[in-house]
Structures are given as structure tokens and as C-alpha cells.
């Protein structure tokens, strides 16, 4: 079995880490609850381009700050708040012990995403890391899935597991993979469902069938 695993809000709690960083920034500038709510909304779960968000923060909260400096802060400062659930680490150790190959497949910058892997202890549990900045393509582009599949080209039992319906699940399905959606309590938004779904990564990994006994795509 080869598992392609999304990083942010799948393996690690990016949402909580960014919220903690945002709380600190708002307190630093003397802002209030409305400013924090605005910043979390503007971040859009990390989907807003960092330069765009940096420009918007400068306009609202830090008018004398340079957007390029803010962009670097957005990329790296929340990393110190990133965590990985210990039960997820235990699941990954179990899967590796059973012979599964583990590849992180993530959008983002190399330094940022690799720092998260090192901080959380995930790096030592992985067989490969595929990052959009380093391969020149972002999920759901077929090219990044091809780069990840090249890590274990002969394994027919490959899954894409992640929290983003389009980038992770529909992108993985288009690449011919079985898919596992980490719903985080959200309803599935499309007609064609993922192969498996669960509210948390730990719960989803519990649902994976033994290697070689996967359900139909």
C-alpha cells in the first residue's frame, strides 16, 4: 500500500496554528475581536495567496509594514504553533510496520512545509515528500500526482488522503487513485463520493482495508 498524505489540516493542524499566530499579531497591533475574525476569514484556510494576504494585512493592521516582510512572516511564523496528533503518529508507525509506503503530497513552499515535518516528528516516518514549489505543479494538477506516484510506481494499491475536496480528493480520483477524505465535520460537496471518509485522519486510517483488499474506486 502506498499512501499519499496531504499535510495541512490532514497530518497537521494548520487551522489552529494559524489562529494562534493571528491572535498574537492582532494583540501586537492592539486590534480586537473583529480584526481577528477578519484575518481568519481573509486567510481562507490558507488558500489566499500569501502576497495577497500580506498586502491586505498591511492595509488594515500594519500600514507601515512592507508586504514582502509580512509575506515571509505569514509563511514561517505560524510553523512554531503547528502540531500533529500523537495518535496520528502512532497510526503512521503502525502502517509503516505493516509495509505501507508513506509520501507527503502537499502544496506550499519547501522551507515552510519541511519545517512543519521536522517540528512535528513526521519527517522520520516518511518515505518521500513531494511539495508543489519543488516540482513546479500544485494539486490538483496531474503533474504533481505523477511526481508522487513515481515514488512507488509499481504499487497498484495507492490512496490519496486529504481534507480538500477539489485539490486532494477530486485530484486524486482524476489520477486514478482511491481516495480518503478527512471531512473535519463538513458535508461532502459533490455527487461522486470519495472511497472513504471520516471526520479525522485517525478515524480514516482506522477504516483503511488491509493492503491488497481495497474497495473499488
C-alpha atoms as a PDB file:
ATOM      1  CA  UNK A   1       0.000   0.000   0.000  1.00  0.00           C
ATOM      2  CA  UNK A   2       1.195   3.500  -0.912  1.00  0.00           C
ATOM      3  CA  UNK A   3      -0.439   6.412   0.933  1.00  0.00           C
ATOM      4  CA  UNK A   4      -0.205   9.930  -0.462  1.00  0.00           C
ATOM      5  CA  UNK A   5      -0.921  12.173   2.515  1.00  0.00           C
ATOM      6  CA  UNK A   6      -1.834  15.847   2.472  1.00  0.00           C
ATOM      7  CA  UNK A   7      -0.051  17.900   5.132  1.00  0.00           C
ATOM      8  CA  UNK A   8      -2.049  20.967   6.218  1.00  0.00           C
ATOM      9  CA  UNK A   9      -5.225  20.128   8.151  1.00  0.00           C
ATOM     10  CA  UNK A  10      -4.681  16.444   7.412  1.00  0.00           C
ATOM     11  CA  UNK A  11      -1.430  15.376   9.055  1.00  0.00           C
ATOM     12  CA  UNK A  12      -1.001  18.627  10.994  1.00  0.00           C
ATOM     13  CA  UNK A  13      -3.424  21.143  12.488  1.00  0.00           C
ATOM     14  CA  UNK A  14      -2.693  24.134  10.308  1.00  0.00           C
ATOM     15  CA  UNK A  15      -6.010  25.825  11.145  1.00  0.00           C
ATOM     16  CA  UNK A  16      -5.249  26.019  14.873  1.00  0.00           C
ATOM     17  CA  UNK A  17      -1.624  27.023  14.274  1.00  0.00           C
ATOM     18  CA  UNK A  18      -2.604  29.939  12.066  1.00  0.00           C
ATOM     19  CA  UNK A  19      -5.307  31.024  14.513  1.00  0.00           C
ATOM     20  CA  UNK A  20      -2.755  31.156  17.333  1.00  0.00           C
ATOM     21  CA  UNK A  21      -0.364  33.189  15.173  1.00  0.00           C
ATOM     22  CA  UNK A  22      -3.191  35.521  14.137  1.00  0.00           C
ATOM     23  CA  UNK A  23      -4.175  36.074  17.769  1.00  0.00           C
ATOM     24  CA  UNK A  24      -0.624  37.160  18.525  1.00  0.00           C
ATOM     25  CA  UNK A  25      -0.457  39.532  15.583  1.00  0.00           C
ATOM     26  CA  UNK A  26      -3.781  41.166  16.410  1.00  0.00           C
ATOM     27  CA  UNK A  27      -2.741  41.605  20.046  1.00  0.00           C
ATOM     28  CA  UNK A  28       0.597  43.071  18.919  1.00  0.00           C
ATOM     29  CA  UNK A  29      -1.139  45.826  16.925  1.00  0.00           C
ATOM     30  CA  UNK A  30      -3.800  46.491  19.562  1.00  0.00           C
ATOM     31  CA  UNK A  31      -6.629  45.057  17.479  1.00  0.00           C
ATOM     32  CA  UNK A  32      -9.834  43.479  18.679  1.00  0.00           C
ATOM     33  CA  UNK A  33     -12.110  40.502  18.012  1.00  0.00           C
ATOM     34  CA  UNK A  34     -13.346  41.998  14.736  1.00  0.00           C
ATOM     35  CA  UNK A  35      -9.775  42.228  13.446  1.00  0.00           C
ATOM     36  CA  UNK A  36      -9.087  38.615  14.396  1.00  0.00           C
ATOM     37  CA  UNK A  37     -12.281  37.426  12.712  1.00  0.00           C
ATOM     38  CA  UNK A  38     -11.358  39.409   9.607  1.00  0.00           C
ATOM     39  CA  UNK A  39      -7.853  37.925   9.475  1.00  0.00           C
ATOM     40  CA  UNK A  40      -9.043  34.340   9.856  1.00  0.00           C
ATOM     41  CA  UNK A  41     -11.639  34.890   7.130  1.00  0.00           C
ATOM     42  CA  UNK A  42      -9.125  36.595   4.836  1.00  0.00           C
ATOM     43  CA  UNK A  43      -6.728  33.666   5.250  1.00  0.00           C
ATOM     44  CA  UNK A  44      -9.410  31.334   3.825  1.00  0.00           C
ATOM     45  CA  UNK A  45      -7.869  28.260   5.446  1.00  0.00           C
ATOM     46  CA  UNK A  46      -4.546  29.056   3.821  1.00  0.00           C
ATOM     47  CA  UNK A  47      -5.899  29.280   0.282  1.00  0.00           C
ATOM     48  CA  UNK A  48      -5.438  33.039  -0.153  1.00  0.00           C
ATOM     49  CA  UNK A  49      -2.056  33.675  -1.844  1.00  0.00           C
ATOM     50  CA  UNK A  50       0.400  34.825   0.808  1.00  0.00           C
ATOM     51  CA  UNK A  51       1.419  38.020  -1.005  1.00  0.00           C
ATOM     52  CA  UNK A  52      -2.235  38.985  -1.406  1.00  0.00           C
ATOM     53  CA  UNK A  53      -2.941  38.368   2.273  1.00  0.00           C
ATOM     54  CA  UNK A  54       0.206  40.237   3.293  1.00  0.00           C
ATOM     55  CA  UNK A  55      -0.943  43.268   1.308  1.00  0.00           C
ATOM     56  CA  UNK A  56      -4.372  43.157   2.916  1.00  0.00           C
ATOM     57  CA  UNK A  57      -2.883  42.858   6.427  1.00  0.00           C
ATOM     58  CA  UNK A  58      -0.631  45.835   5.749  1.00  0.00           C
ATOM     59  CA  UNK A  59      -3.591  47.903   4.605  1.00  0.00           C
ATOM     60  CA  UNK A  60      -5.739  47.089   7.642  1.00  0.00           C
ATOM     61  CA  UNK A  61      -3.412  46.353  10.547  1.00  0.00           C
ATOM     62  CA  UNK A  62       0.196  47.310   9.787  1.00  0.00           C
ATOM     63  CA  UNK A  63       0.222  50.264   7.399  1.00  0.00           C
ATOM     64  CA  UNK A  64       3.975  50.844   7.770  1.00  0.00           C
ATOM     65  CA  UNK A  65       4.944  47.203   7.173  1.00  0.00           C
ATOM     66  CA  UNK A  66       6.457  46.038   3.896  1.00  0.00           C
ATOM     67  CA  UNK A  67       4.303  43.365   2.216  1.00  0.00           C
ATOM     68  CA  UNK A  68       7.351  41.244   1.345  1.00  0.00           C
ATOM     69  CA  UNK A  69       8.353  41.089   5.023  1.00  0.00           C
ATOM     70  CA  UNK A  70       4.782  40.251   6.029  1.00  0.00           C
ATOM     71  CA  UNK A  71       4.677  37.537   3.392  1.00  0.00           C
ATOM     72  CA  UNK A  72       7.682  35.843   4.984  1.00  0.00           C
ATOM     73  CA  UNK A  73       6.055  36.132   8.400  1.00  0.00           C
ATOM     74  CA  UNK A  74       2.913  34.503   7.025  1.00  0.00           C
ATOM     75  CA  UNK A  75       4.925  31.665   5.549  1.00  0.00           C
ATOM     76  CA  UNK A  76       7.081  30.814   8.535  1.00  0.00           C
ATOM     77  CA  UNK A  77       5.934  32.230  11.884  1.00  0.00           C
ATOM     78  CA  UNK A  78       2.862  30.010  12.329  1.00  0.00           C
ATOM     79  CA  UNK A  79       5.081  26.931  11.954  1.00  0.00           C
ATOM     80  CA  UNK A  80       6.094  27.168  15.624  1.00  0.00           C
ATOM     81  CA  UNK A  81       2.443  26.521  16.542  1.00  0.00           C
ATOM     82  CA  UNK A  82       1.948  23.511  14.246  1.00  0.00           C
ATOM     83  CA  UNK A  83       1.156  20.204  15.948  1.00  0.00           C
ATOM     84  CA  UNK A  84       0.451  16.624  14.932  1.00  0.00           C
ATOM     85  CA  UNK A  85      -1.926  14.473  16.967  1.00  0.00           C
ATOM     86  CA  UNK A  86       0.116  11.743  18.730  1.00  0.00           C
ATOM     87  CA  UNK A  87      -2.475   9.170  17.647  1.00  0.00           C
ATOM     88  CA  UNK A  88      -1.732  10.045  14.021  1.00  0.00           C
ATOM     89  CA  UNK A  89       1.972   9.432  14.612  1.00  0.00           C
ATOM     90  CA  UNK A  90       1.089   6.069  16.162  1.00  0.00           C
ATOM     91  CA  UNK A  91      -1.071   5.169  13.153  1.00  0.00           C
ATOM     92  CA  UNK A  92       1.752   6.017  10.763  1.00  0.00           C
ATOM     93  CA  UNK A  93       4.230   3.911  12.711  1.00  0.00           C
ATOM     94  CA  UNK A  94       1.767   1.014  12.608  1.00  0.00           C
ATOM     95  CA  UNK A  95       1.223   1.368   8.865  1.00  0.00           C
ATOM     96  CA  UNK A  96       4.943   1.511   8.179  1.00  0.00           C
ATOM     97  CA  UNK A  97       5.381  -1.592  10.308  1.00  0.00           C
ATOM     98  CA  UNK A  98       2.827  -3.300   8.076  1.00  0.00           C
ATOM     99  CA  UNK A  99       4.792  -2.374   4.973  1.00  0.00           C
ATOM    100  CA  UNK A 100       2.929   0.711   3.796  1.00  0.00           C
ATOM    101  CA  UNK A 101       4.860   3.400   1.942  1.00  0.00           C
ATOM    102  CA  UNK A 102       4.132   6.958   3.132  1.00  0.00           C
ATOM    103  CA  UNK A 103       4.515  10.010   0.906  1.00  0.00           C
ATOM    104  CA  UNK A 104       3.521  13.540   1.853  1.00  0.00           C
ATOM    105  CA  UNK A 105       1.935  15.340  -1.097  1.00  0.00           C
ATOM    106  CA  UNK A 106       1.439  19.000  -0.277  1.00  0.00           C
ATOM    107  CA  UNK A 107       1.033  22.415  -1.816  1.00  0.00           C
ATOM    108  CA  UNK A 108       3.275  25.104  -0.358  1.00  0.00           C
ATOM    109  CA  UNK A 109       6.884  26.219  -0.191  1.00  0.00           C
ATOM    110  CA  UNK A 110       9.711  23.830   0.507  1.00  0.00           C
ATOM    111  CA  UNK A 111      11.176  25.542   3.597  1.00  0.00           C
ATOM    112  CA  UNK A 112       7.759  26.048   5.197  1.00  0.00           C
ATOM    113  CA  UNK A 113       6.438  22.534   4.700  1.00  0.00           C
ATOM    114  CA  UNK A 114       9.681  20.783   5.566  1.00  0.00           C
ATOM    115  CA  UNK A 115       9.902  22.833   8.760  1.00  0.00           C
ATOM    116  CA  UNK A 116       6.466  21.535   9.753  1.00  0.00           C
ATOM    117  CA  UNK A 117       7.540  17.945   9.119  1.00  0.00           C
ATOM    118  CA  UNK A 118      10.663  18.346  11.250  1.00  0.00           C
ATOM    119  CA  UNK A 119       8.876  20.159  14.071  1.00  0.00           C
ATOM    120  CA  UNK A 120       6.149  17.530  14.436  1.00  0.00           C
ATOM    121  CA  UNK A 121       8.326  14.431  14.144  1.00  0.00           C
ATOM    122  CA  UNK A 122       6.681  13.403  10.882  1.00  0.00           C
ATOM    123  CA  UNK A 123       9.854  13.658   8.812  1.00  0.00           C
ATOM    124  CA  UNK A 124      11.385  10.457  10.177  1.00  0.00           C
ATOM    125  CA  UNK A 125       8.232   8.460   9.426  1.00  0.00           C
ATOM    126  CA  UNK A 126       8.036   9.317   5.729  1.00  0.00           C
ATOM    127  CA  UNK A 127       9.431   7.600   2.679  1.00  0.00           C
ATOM    128  CA  UNK A 128       9.117  10.649   0.425  1.00  0.00           C
ATOM    129  CA  UNK A 129       7.998  14.289   0.392  1.00  0.00           C
ATOM    130  CA  UNK A 130       6.535  15.945  -2.712  1.00  0.00           C
ATOM    131  CA  UNK A 131       5.988  19.723  -2.425  1.00  0.00           C
ATOM    132  CA  UNK A 132       4.371  21.874  -5.096  1.00  0.00           C
ATOM    133  CA  UNK A 133       7.072  24.568  -5.084  1.00  0.00           C
ATOM    134  CA  UNK A 134       9.773  21.949  -5.625  1.00  0.00           C
ATOM    135  CA  UNK A 135       8.076  20.129  -8.510  1.00  0.00           C
ATOM    136  CA  UNK A 136       6.524  23.153 -10.231  1.00  0.00           C
ATOM    137  CA  UNK A 137       2.908  21.996 -10.014  1.00  0.00           C
ATOM    138  CA  UNK A 138       0.170  22.229  -7.386  1.00  0.00           C
ATOM    139  CA  UNK A 139      -2.694  19.908  -6.525  1.00  0.00           C
ATOM    140  CA  UNK A 140      -4.969  19.125  -8.329  1.00  0.00           C
ATOM    141  CA  UNK A 141      -2.602  19.371 -11.329  1.00  0.00           C
ATOM    142  CA  UNK A 142      -1.970  15.832 -12.657  1.00  0.00           C
ATOM    143  CA  UNK A 143       1.762  16.610 -12.800  1.00  0.00           C
ATOM    144  CA  UNK A 144       2.165  16.711  -9.023  1.00  0.00           C
ATOM    145  CA  UNK A 145       0.280  13.429  -8.641  1.00  0.00           C
ATOM    146  CA  UNK A 146       2.570  11.902 -11.255  1.00  0.00           C
ATOM    147  CA  UNK A 147       5.583  13.066  -9.234  1.00  0.00           C
ATOM    148  CA  UNK A 148       4.157  11.433  -6.106  1.00  0.00           C
ATOM    149  CA  UNK A 149       3.251   8.198  -7.865  1.00  0.00           C
ATOM    150  CA  UNK A 150       6.796   7.967  -9.178  1.00  0.00           C
ATOM    151  CA  UNK A 151       7.886   7.344  -5.577  1.00  0.00           C
ATOM    152  CA  UNK A 152       6.352   3.841  -5.789  1.00  0.00           C
ATOM    153  CA  UNK A 153       5.482   3.267  -9.454  1.00  0.00           C
ATOM    154  CA  UNK A 154       4.800  -0.453  -9.134  1.00  0.00           C
ATOM    155  CA  UNK A 155       2.300  -0.278  -6.243  1.00  0.00           C
ATOM    156  CA  UNK A 156      -1.289  -0.743  -7.513  1.00  0.00           C
ATOM    157  CA  UNK A 157      -2.819  -0.054  -4.082  1.00  0.00           C
ATOM    158  CA  UNK A 158      -2.349   3.717  -3.835  1.00  0.00           C
ATOM    159  CA  UNK A 159      -4.523   6.202  -1.938  1.00  0.00           C
ATOM    160  CA  UNK A 160      -4.763   9.966  -1.817  1.00  0.00           C
ATOM    161  CA  UNK A 161      -5.791  11.125   1.641  1.00  0.00           C
ATOM    162  CA  UNK A 162      -6.547  14.754   2.424  1.00  0.00           C
ATOM    163  CA  UNK A 163      -9.038  17.350   3.580  1.00  0.00           C
ATOM    164  CA  UNK A 164      -9.565  19.421   0.423  1.00  0.00           C
ATOM    165  CA  UNK A 165     -12.442  18.147  -1.745  1.00  0.00           C
ATOM    166  CA  UNK A 166     -11.031  19.505  -5.009  1.00  0.00           C
ATOM    167  CA  UNK A 167      -7.251  19.537  -4.621  1.00  0.00           C
ATOM    168  CA  UNK A 168      -6.919  16.246  -2.732  1.00  0.00           C
ATOM    169  CA  UNK A 169      -9.953  14.092  -3.460  1.00  0.00           C
ATOM    170  CA  UNK A 170     -11.060  15.022  -6.961  1.00  0.00           C
ATOM    171  CA  UNK A 171      -7.437  15.493  -7.950  1.00  0.00           C
ATOM    172  CA  UNK A 172      -6.586  12.053  -6.609  1.00  0.00           C
ATOM    173  CA  UNK A 173      -9.593  10.438  -8.267  1.00  0.00           C
ATOM    174  CA  UNK A 174      -8.632  12.003 -11.605  1.00  0.00           C
ATOM    175  CA  UNK A 175      -5.206  10.405 -11.170  1.00  0.00           C
ATOM    176  CA  UNK A 176      -6.910   7.014 -10.816  1.00  0.00           C
ATOM    177  CA  UNK A 177      -6.399   6.676  -7.069  1.00  0.00           C
ATOM    178  CA  UNK A 178      -8.593   5.514  -4.240  1.00  0.00           C
ATOM    179  CA  UNK A 179      -9.363   8.455  -2.003  1.00  0.00           C
ATOM    180  CA  UNK A 180      -9.876   9.146   1.693  1.00  0.00           C
ATOM    181  CA  UNK A 181     -11.478  12.447   2.696  1.00  0.00           C
ATOM    182  CA  UNK A 182     -10.796  13.971   6.117  1.00  0.00           C
ATOM    183  CA  UNK A 183     -14.080  15.865   6.400  1.00  0.00           C
ATOM    184  CA  UNK A 184     -13.401  17.894   9.581  1.00  0.00           C
ATOM    185  CA  UNK A 185     -17.176  17.743  10.109  1.00  0.00           C
ATOM    186  CA  UNK A 186     -18.127  19.163   6.702  1.00  0.00           C
ATOM    187  CA  UNK A 187     -20.617  17.601   4.275  1.00  0.00           C
ATOM    188  CA  UNK A 188     -19.207  16.191   1.045  1.00  0.00           C
ATOM    189  CA  UNK A 189     -19.951  18.831  -1.654  1.00  0.00           C
ATOM    190  CA  UNK A 190     -20.018  16.743  -4.837  1.00  0.00           C
ATOM    191  CA  UNK A 191     -22.132  13.953  -6.267  1.00  0.00           C
ATOM    192  CA  UNK A 192     -19.324  11.405  -6.641  1.00  0.00           C
ATOM    193  CA  UNK A 193     -18.142  10.486  -3.121  1.00  0.00           C
ATOM    194  CA  UNK A 194     -14.609   9.624  -2.021  1.00  0.00           C
ATOM    195  CA  UNK A 195     -13.757   5.975  -1.492  1.00  0.00           C
ATOM    196  CA  UNK A 196     -13.706   6.537   2.280  1.00  0.00           C
ATOM    197  CA  UNK A 197     -14.412   9.490   4.540  1.00  0.00           C
ATOM    198  CA  UNK A 198     -14.143  10.260   8.241  1.00  0.00           C
ATOM    199  CA  UNK A 199     -14.036  13.411  10.395  1.00  0.00           C
ATOM    200  CA  UNK A 200     -10.383  12.989  11.429  1.00  0.00           C
ATOM    201  CA  UNK A 201      -7.281  11.429   9.923  1.00  0.00           C
ATOM    202  CA  UNK A 202      -7.009   8.925  12.761  1.00  0.00           C
ATOM    203  CA  UNK A 203     -10.555   7.729  12.174  1.00  0.00           C
ATOM    204  CA  UNK A 204      -9.923   7.489   8.449  1.00  0.00           C
ATOM    205  CA  UNK A 205      -6.752   5.453   8.846  1.00  0.00           C
ATOM    206  CA  UNK A 206      -8.736   3.028  11.007  1.00  0.00           C
ATOM    207  CA  UNK A 207     -11.028   2.449   8.017  1.00  0.00           C
ATOM    208  CA  UNK A 208      -8.296   1.537   5.555  1.00  0.00           C
ATOM    209  CA  UNK A 209      -8.594  -2.091   4.489  1.00  0.00           C
ATOM    210  CA  UNK A 210      -5.589  -4.375   4.611  1.00  0.00           C
ATOM    211  CA  UNK A 211      -3.187  -3.959   1.713  1.00  0.00           C
ATOM    212  CA  UNK A 212      -4.444  -5.820  -1.309  1.00  0.00           C
ATOM    213  CA  UNK A 213      -8.091  -5.752  -0.132  1.00  0.00           C
ATOM    214  CA  UNK A 214      -9.035  -2.196  -1.098  1.00  0.00           C
ATOM    215  CA  UNK A 215     -12.628  -1.335  -2.036  1.00  0.00           C
ATOM    216  CA  UNK A 216     -13.485  -0.215  -5.532  1.00  0.00           C
ATOM    217  CA  UNK A 217     -12.583   3.323  -6.506  1.00  0.00           C
END
